[in-house]
Amino acid sequence: MSSSISSDDHTALSQAGRRSMLKLAQRMTNNFCSGVCASSARKWDSLQMGTLSDDMRVMTRKNVDDPGEPPGIVLSAATSVWMPVSRQRLFDFLRDERLR
């Protein structure tokens, strides 16, 4: 919510537009986090596909009346990889935007 944007700059968002974008970003983040966490609030079904390796997981759920989401099928896919570095080094890498 920077106040350093000139009022003459017509490409910038208004204050209300900025708030709306921040609310949208917060909803998207909340939906993503609640979607990938192992919560009992939402029932996920594992999608079995013969070509997936053991370290890949694809899950689906039916969205009926979640606010902020259109009704339909939600698909989530995940995998894991082994990184040959220490946990601390990986954490430092992800935390520091100059290294990424």
Protein backbone atom coordinates (compact mmCIF):
# COMPACT_ATOMS: atom_id res chain seq x y z
CA MET A 1 0.00 0.00 0.00
CA SER A 2 2.62 2.48 -1.13
CA SER A 3 1.75 6.16 -0.93
CA SER A 4 4.71 7.11 -3.13
CA ILE A 5 2.78 6.69 -6.40
CA SER A 6 2.08 9.98 -8.13
CA SER A 7 -1.55 11.01 -8.51
CA ASP A 8 -0.73 11.85 -12.15
CA ASP A 9 0.13 8.21 -12.88
CA HIS A 10 -3.09 6.85 -14.42
CA THR A 11 -1.73 3.29 -14.64
CA ALA A 12 -1.62 2.98 -10.84
CA LEU A 13 -4.48 1.58 -8.79
CA SER A 14 -6.64 3.77 -6.64
CA GLN A 15 -6.61 3.29 -2.88
CA ALA A 16 -9.84 1.27 -3.11
CA GLY A 17 -8.35 -0.77 -5.97
CA ARG A 18 -5.26 -1.54 -3.89
CA ARG A 19 -7.39 -2.72 -0.98
CA SER A 20 -9.44 -4.88 -3.33
CA MET A 21 -6.28 -6.45 -4.82
CA LEU A 22 -4.88 -7.13 -1.35
CA LYS A 23 -8.14 -8.78 -0.29
CA LEU A 24 -8.11 -10.90 -3.45
CA ALA A 25 -4.49 -11.93 -2.80
CA GLN A 26 -5.38 -12.82 0.80
CA ARG A 27 -8.37 -14.93 -0.32
CA MET A 28 -6.25 -16.70 -2.91
CA THR A 29 -3.53 -17.43 -0.35
CA ASN A 30 -6.07 -18.67 2.21
CA ASN A 31 -7.77 -20.90 -0.38
CA PHE A 32 -4.43 -22.33 -1.50
CA CYS A 33 -3.22 -23.00 2.06
CA SER A 34 -6.51 -24.58 3.15
CA GLY A 35 -6.50 -26.63 -0.03
CA VAL A 36 -3.07 -28.15 0.44
CA CYS A 37 -3.15 -28.68 4.20
CA ALA A 38 -4.22 -31.99 5.69
CA SER A 39 -7.45 -30.68 7.16
CA SER A 40 -10.58 -32.64 7.88
CA ALA A 41 -12.66 -29.58 6.94
CA ARG A 42 -12.52 -30.56 3.27
CA LYS A 43 -12.73 -34.10 1.95
CA TRP A 44 -10.12 -34.88 -0.68
CA ASP A 45 -10.23 -37.99 -2.86
CA SER A 46 -7.03 -39.46 -4.20
CA LEU A 47 -7.02 -39.73 -7.98
CA GLN A 48 -5.45 -43.01 -9.07
CA MET A 49 -3.58 -42.86 -12.37
CA GLY A 50 -1.43 -45.71 -13.62
CA THR A 51 1.33 -43.49 -15.01
CA LEU A 52 2.11 -41.57 -11.80
CA SER A 53 5.25 -42.41 -9.88
CA ASP A 54 5.13 -43.15 -6.15
CA ASP A 55 6.27 -39.66 -5.17
CA MET A 56 3.44 -37.91 -7.05
CA ARG A 57 -0.02 -37.32 -5.65
CA VAL A 58 -3.13 -36.00 -7.38
CA MET A 59 -6.24 -35.25 -5.35
CA THR A 60 -9.66 -33.85 -6.14
CA ARG A 61 -12.57 -32.43 -4.21
CA LYS A 62 -15.98 -31.13 -5.20
CA ASN A 63 -16.63 -27.49 -4.40
CA VAL A 64 -20.30 -26.76 -3.79
CA ASP A 65 -20.70 -23.66 -1.64
CA ASP A 66 -17.29 -22.35 -0.56
CA PRO A 67 -17.38 -18.54 -0.55
CA GLY A 68 -15.06 -16.97 -3.09
CA GLU A 69 -14.75 -20.13 -5.20
CA PRO A 70 -16.87 -21.13 -8.16
CA PRO A 71 -18.68 -24.46 -7.89
CA GLY A 72 -16.97 -27.41 -9.54
CA ILE A 73 -14.06 -29.80 -9.16
CA VAL A 74 -10.83 -28.62 -7.49
CA LEU A 75 -7.67 -30.45 -8.55
CA SER A 76 -4.47 -30.47 -6.49
CA ALA A 77 -1.23 -32.09 -7.63
CA ALA A 78 1.95 -32.39 -5.60
CA THR A 79 5.31 -34.09 -5.69
CA SER A 80 8.43 -34.04 -3.60
CA VAL A 81 12.06 -33.93 -4.57
CA TRP A 82 15.24 -34.73 -2.68
CA MET A 83 17.65 -31.81 -2.41
CA PRO A 84 21.25 -32.80 -1.60
CA VAL A 85 21.76 -29.88 0.81
CA SER A 86 21.14 -29.31 4.50
CA ARG A 87 17.70 -28.18 5.64
CA GLN A 88 19.13 -24.91 6.90
CA ARG A 89 20.76 -24.10 3.56
CA LEU A 90 17.53 -24.83 1.69
CA PHE A 91 15.53 -22.70 4.13
CA ASP A 92 18.01 -19.83 3.77
CA PHE A 93 17.81 -20.12 -0.02
CA LEU A 94 14.00 -19.97 -0.05
CA ARG A 95 13.88 -17.17 2.51
CA ASP A 96 16.32 -14.81 0.75
CA GLU A 97 14.83 -13.38 -2.44
CA ARG A 98 18.30 -12.36 -3.70
CA LEU A 99 19.33 -16.04 -3.81
CA ARG A 100 16.16 -17.19 -5.56
